[in-house]
């Protein structure tokens, strides 16, 4: 049986096979859902990428789902440390995306406000779960890249 903990805000698509049972898990903390079919259990819960480190979200409910999971799937793997430089003189494949000025301004305001209130990516559920999974040798995957 495959167990996965997916820490991302994602929408469930209509399955191509028999429908899975979706159950909300009651309790304080992040919204958590269990999606099951005959051979797979997936735990989905809503997270924040940055937290202040004061919230006690990694409680028995979330830890239990994490421990029962064989892998951790995150929305994206946020790089740690400095980003690598592209090779000098070699071709670089870059897809130019021009986000709107209002999107960039709104994003910058949200980031600055979070930092001013003690929010850090290192305290976010993604990074905490990733570090615990890696320390236990649990595979960590991402749904998308930055």
C-alpha atoms as a PDB file:
ATOM      1  CA  UNK A   1       0.000   0.000   0.000  1.00  0.00           C
ATOM      2  CA  UNK A   2       1.357   3.424  -0.925  1.00  0.00           C
ATOM      3  CA  UNK A   3       1.104   6.228   1.633  1.00  0.00           C
ATOM      4  CA  UNK A   4       2.050   9.789   0.706  1.00  0.00           C
ATOM      5  CA  UNK A   5       1.878  13.074   2.538  1.00  0.00           C
ATOM      6  CA  UNK A   6       1.369  15.916   0.136  1.00  0.00           C
ATOM      7  CA  UNK A   7       1.916  19.300   1.682  1.00  0.00           C
ATOM      8  CA  UNK A   8       0.516  21.615  -0.917  1.00  0.00           C
ATOM      9  CA  UNK A   9      -2.610  23.527  -1.704  1.00  0.00           C
ATOM     10  CA  UNK A  10      -3.754  21.563  -4.750  1.00  0.00           C
ATOM     11  CA  UNK A  11      -7.068  20.794  -6.394  1.00  0.00           C
ATOM     12  CA  UNK A  12      -8.187  17.203  -6.743  1.00  0.00           C
ATOM     13  CA  UNK A  13      -8.793  16.306 -10.379  1.00  0.00           C
ATOM     14  CA  UNK A  14     -11.398  13.792 -11.466  1.00  0.00           C
ATOM     15  CA  UNK A  15      -9.686  10.391 -11.357  1.00  0.00           C
ATOM     16  CA  UNK A  16      -9.536   8.213 -14.471  1.00  0.00           C
ATOM     17  CA  UNK A  17     -10.199   5.088 -12.387  1.00  0.00           C
ATOM     18  CA  UNK A  18     -12.646   4.335  -9.616  1.00  0.00           C
ATOM     19  CA  UNK A  19     -13.274   7.407  -7.480  1.00  0.00           C
ATOM     20  CA  UNK A  20     -11.270   7.697  -4.283  1.00  0.00           C
ATOM     21  CA  UNK A  21     -12.861   8.372  -0.934  1.00  0.00           C
ATOM     22  CA  UNK A  22     -12.026  11.842   0.398  1.00  0.00           C
ATOM     23  CA  UNK A  23     -12.375  12.453   4.125  1.00  0.00           C
ATOM     24  CA  UNK A  24     -11.710  15.622   6.102  1.00  0.00           C
ATOM     25  CA  UNK A  25      -9.699  15.017   9.270  1.00  0.00           C
ATOM     26  CA  UNK A  26     -11.133  17.120  12.089  1.00  0.00           C
ATOM     27  CA  UNK A  27      -8.951  18.918  14.563  1.00  0.00           C
ATOM     28  CA  UNK A  28      -7.114  22.161  15.194  1.00  0.00           C
ATOM     29  CA  UNK A  29      -4.248  23.103  12.930  1.00  0.00           C
ATOM     30  CA  UNK A  30      -3.936  22.919   9.166  1.00  0.00           C
ATOM     31  CA  UNK A  31      -6.829  21.677   7.061  1.00  0.00           C
ATOM     32  CA  UNK A  32      -6.164  17.997   6.431  1.00  0.00           C
ATOM     33  CA  UNK A  33      -7.803  15.516   4.087  1.00  0.00           C
ATOM     34  CA  UNK A  34      -7.306  11.812   3.457  1.00  0.00           C
ATOM     35  CA  UNK A  35      -7.807  10.479  -0.085  1.00  0.00           C
ATOM     36  CA  UNK A  36      -8.031   6.675  -0.355  1.00  0.00           C
ATOM     37  CA  UNK A  37      -8.643   4.043  -2.945  1.00  0.00           C
ATOM     38  CA  UNK A  38      -8.058   0.287  -2.788  1.00  0.00           C
ATOM     39  CA  UNK A  39      -4.248   0.467  -2.644  1.00  0.00           C
ATOM     40  CA  UNK A  40      -3.230   4.065  -1.913  1.00  0.00           C
ATOM     41  CA  UNK A  41      -3.679   6.568   0.892  1.00  0.00           C
ATOM     42  CA  UNK A  42      -2.742  10.212   0.376  1.00  0.00           C
ATOM     43  CA  UNK A  43      -2.761  12.806   3.156  1.00  0.00           C
ATOM     44  CA  UNK A  44      -3.310  16.360   1.865  1.00  0.00           C
ATOM     45  CA  UNK A  45      -2.990  19.363   4.062  1.00  0.00           C
ATOM     46  CA  UNK A  46      -2.842  23.092   3.598  1.00  0.00           C
ATOM     47  CA  UNK A  47       0.366  24.772   4.652  1.00  0.00           C
ATOM     48  CA  UNK A  48       2.121  28.103   4.653  1.00  0.00           C
ATOM     49  CA  UNK A  49       5.540  28.466   3.058  1.00  0.00           C
ATOM     50  CA  UNK A  50       6.650  30.831   5.819  1.00  0.00           C
ATOM     51  CA  UNK A  51       5.712  30.765   9.502  1.00  0.00           C
ATOM     52  CA  UNK A  52       6.898  32.557  12.633  1.00  0.00           C
ATOM     53  CA  UNK A  53       7.980  29.366  14.415  1.00  0.00           C
ATOM     54  CA  UNK A  54       5.434  29.816  17.217  1.00  0.00           C
ATOM     55  CA  UNK A  55       2.543  27.782  15.776  1.00  0.00           C
ATOM     56  CA  UNK A  56       2.313  24.175  17.003  1.00  0.00           C
ATOM     57  CA  UNK A  57       1.064  22.683  13.715  1.00  0.00           C
ATOM     58  CA  UNK A  58       3.225  19.506  13.698  1.00  0.00           C
ATOM     59  CA  UNK A  59       0.920  17.868  16.228  1.00  0.00           C
ATOM     60  CA  UNK A  60      -0.041  14.195  16.706  1.00  0.00           C
ATOM     61  CA  UNK A  61      -2.509  14.362  13.794  1.00  0.00           C
ATOM     62  CA  UNK A  62       0.019  15.663  11.251  1.00  0.00           C
ATOM     63  CA  UNK A  63       2.943  13.673  12.711  1.00  0.00           C
ATOM     64  CA  UNK A  64       0.889  10.454  12.549  1.00  0.00           C
ATOM     65  CA  UNK A  65       0.095  11.013   8.862  1.00  0.00           C
ATOM     66  CA  UNK A  66       3.748  11.844   8.237  1.00  0.00           C
ATOM     67  CA  UNK A  67       4.978   8.696   9.991  1.00  0.00           C
ATOM     68  CA  UNK A  68       2.542   6.484   8.046  1.00  0.00           C
ATOM     69  CA  UNK A  69       3.721   8.010   4.752  1.00  0.00           C
ATOM     70  CA  UNK A  70       6.381   6.442   2.578  1.00  0.00           C
ATOM     71  CA  UNK A  71       7.242   9.712   0.813  1.00  0.00           C
ATOM     72  CA  UNK A  72       6.728  13.465   1.076  1.00  0.00           C
ATOM     73  CA  UNK A  73       5.477  15.399  -1.951  1.00  0.00           C
ATOM     74  CA  UNK A  74       5.703  19.189  -1.756  1.00  0.00           C
ATOM     75  CA  UNK A  75       4.395  21.868  -4.076  1.00  0.00           C
ATOM     76  CA  UNK A  76       7.994  22.812  -4.899  1.00  0.00           C
ATOM     77  CA  UNK A  77      11.437  22.310  -3.399  1.00  0.00           C
ATOM     78  CA  UNK A  78      12.597  25.714  -2.211  1.00  0.00           C
ATOM     79  CA  UNK A  79      16.381  25.930  -2.739  1.00  0.00           C
ATOM     80  CA  UNK A  80      18.518  26.233   0.367  1.00  0.00           C
ATOM     81  CA  UNK A  81      21.652  28.361   0.319  1.00  0.00           C
ATOM     82  CA  UNK A  82      22.904  30.357  -2.658  1.00  0.00           C
ATOM     83  CA  UNK A  83      21.523  29.524  -6.074  1.00  0.00           C
ATOM     84  CA  UNK A  84      24.013  27.958  -8.507  1.00  0.00           C
ATOM     85  CA  UNK A  85      25.368  30.159 -11.273  1.00  0.00           C
ATOM     86  CA  UNK A  86      24.812  29.154 -14.893  1.00  0.00           C
ATOM     87  CA  UNK A  87      27.914  27.757 -16.627  1.00  0.00           C
ATOM     88  CA  UNK A  88      30.074  30.425 -18.232  1.00  0.00           C
ATOM     89  CA  UNK A  89      30.128  30.413 -22.004  1.00  0.00           C
ATOM     90  CA  UNK A  90      27.582  27.603 -22.303  1.00  0.00           C
ATOM     91  CA  UNK A  91      24.028  27.798 -23.590  1.00  0.00           C
ATOM     92  CA  UNK A  92      21.420  28.624 -20.994  1.00  0.00           C
ATOM     93  CA  UNK A  93      17.811  27.606 -21.520  1.00  0.00           C
ATOM     94  CA  UNK A  94      15.648  30.281 -19.972  1.00  0.00           C
ATOM     95  CA  UNK A  95      11.956  30.751 -20.547  1.00  0.00           C
ATOM     96  CA  UNK A  96      11.115  34.406 -20.138  1.00  0.00           C
ATOM     97  CA  UNK A  97       7.946  35.038 -18.186  1.00  0.00           C
ATOM     98  CA  UNK A  98       6.777  38.587 -17.765  1.00  0.00           C
ATOM     99  CA  UNK A  99       4.655  38.773 -14.621  1.00  0.00           C
ATOM    100  CA  UNK A 100       2.515  41.841 -14.269  1.00  0.00           C
ATOM    101  CA  UNK A 101       3.814  44.774 -12.260  1.00  0.00           C
ATOM    102  CA  UNK A 102       0.830  44.509  -9.892  1.00  0.00           C
ATOM    103  CA  UNK A 103       1.596  40.817  -9.227  1.00  0.00           C
ATOM    104  CA  UNK A 104       5.224  41.641  -8.433  1.00  0.00           C
ATOM    105  CA  UNK A 105       4.252  44.568  -6.229  1.00  0.00           C
ATOM    106  CA  UNK A 106       1.641  42.531  -4.343  1.00  0.00           C
ATOM    107  CA  UNK A 107       4.079  39.651  -3.877  1.00  0.00           C
ATOM    108  CA  UNK A 108       6.784  42.015  -2.595  1.00  0.00           C
ATOM    109  CA  UNK A 109       4.316  43.600  -0.125  1.00  0.00           C
ATOM    110  CA  UNK A 110       3.265  40.162   1.163  1.00  0.00           C
ATOM    111  CA  UNK A 111       6.883  39.020   1.587  1.00  0.00           C
ATOM    112  CA  UNK A 112       7.922  42.249   3.332  1.00  0.00           C
ATOM    113  CA  UNK A 113       4.885  42.123   5.634  1.00  0.00           C
ATOM    114  CA  UNK A 114       5.591  38.503   6.532  1.00  0.00           C
ATOM    115  CA  UNK A 115       9.250  39.234   7.303  1.00  0.00           C
ATOM    116  CA  UNK A 116       8.252  42.227   9.424  1.00  0.00           C
ATOM    117  CA  UNK A 117       6.049  39.848  11.446  1.00  0.00           C
ATOM    118  CA  UNK A 118       8.778  37.246  11.954  1.00  0.00           C
ATOM    119  CA  UNK A 119       7.754  34.891   9.158  1.00  0.00           C
ATOM    120  CA  UNK A 120      10.572  32.772   7.719  1.00  0.00           C
ATOM    121  CA  UNK A 121      10.636  30.048   5.070  1.00  0.00           C
ATOM    122  CA  UNK A 122      12.797  27.936   7.395  1.00  0.00           C
ATOM    123  CA  UNK A 123       9.872  27.773   9.852  1.00  0.00           C
ATOM    124  CA  UNK A 124       7.323  26.938   7.142  1.00  0.00           C
ATOM    125  CA  UNK A 125       5.710  23.514   6.976  1.00  0.00           C
ATOM    126  CA  UNK A 126       7.409  22.709   3.657  1.00  0.00           C
ATOM    127  CA  UNK A 127      10.920  23.167   5.018  1.00  0.00           C
ATOM    128  CA  UNK A 128      10.238  21.551   8.412  1.00  0.00           C
ATOM    129  CA  UNK A 129       8.658  18.450   6.848  1.00  0.00           C
ATOM    130  CA  UNK A 130      11.397  18.279   4.222  1.00  0.00           C
ATOM    131  CA  UNK A 131      14.148  18.292   6.857  1.00  0.00           C
ATOM    132  CA  UNK A 132      12.413  15.630   8.964  1.00  0.00           C
ATOM    133  CA  UNK A 133      11.817  13.455   5.875  1.00  0.00           C
ATOM    134  CA  UNK A 134      15.420  13.788   4.731  1.00  0.00           C
ATOM    135  CA  UNK A 135      16.745  12.983   8.221  1.00  0.00           C
ATOM    136  CA  UNK A 136      14.664   9.776   8.169  1.00  0.00           C
ATOM    137  CA  UNK A 137      15.728   8.846   4.634  1.00  0.00           C
ATOM    138  CA  UNK A 138      12.180   9.353   3.343  1.00  0.00           C
ATOM    139  CA  UNK A 139      11.967  10.315  -0.368  1.00  0.00           C
ATOM    140  CA  UNK A 140      11.041  13.960  -1.030  1.00  0.00           C
ATOM    141  CA  UNK A 141       9.517  14.968  -4.374  1.00  0.00           C
ATOM    142  CA  UNK A 142       8.030  18.157  -5.824  1.00  0.00           C
ATOM    143  CA  UNK A 143       4.968  18.747  -8.001  1.00  0.00           C
ATOM    144  CA  UNK A 144       6.586  21.665  -9.822  1.00  0.00           C
ATOM    145  CA  UNK A 145       9.811  23.643 -10.061  1.00  0.00           C
ATOM    146  CA  UNK A 146      10.425  27.274  -9.241  1.00  0.00           C
END
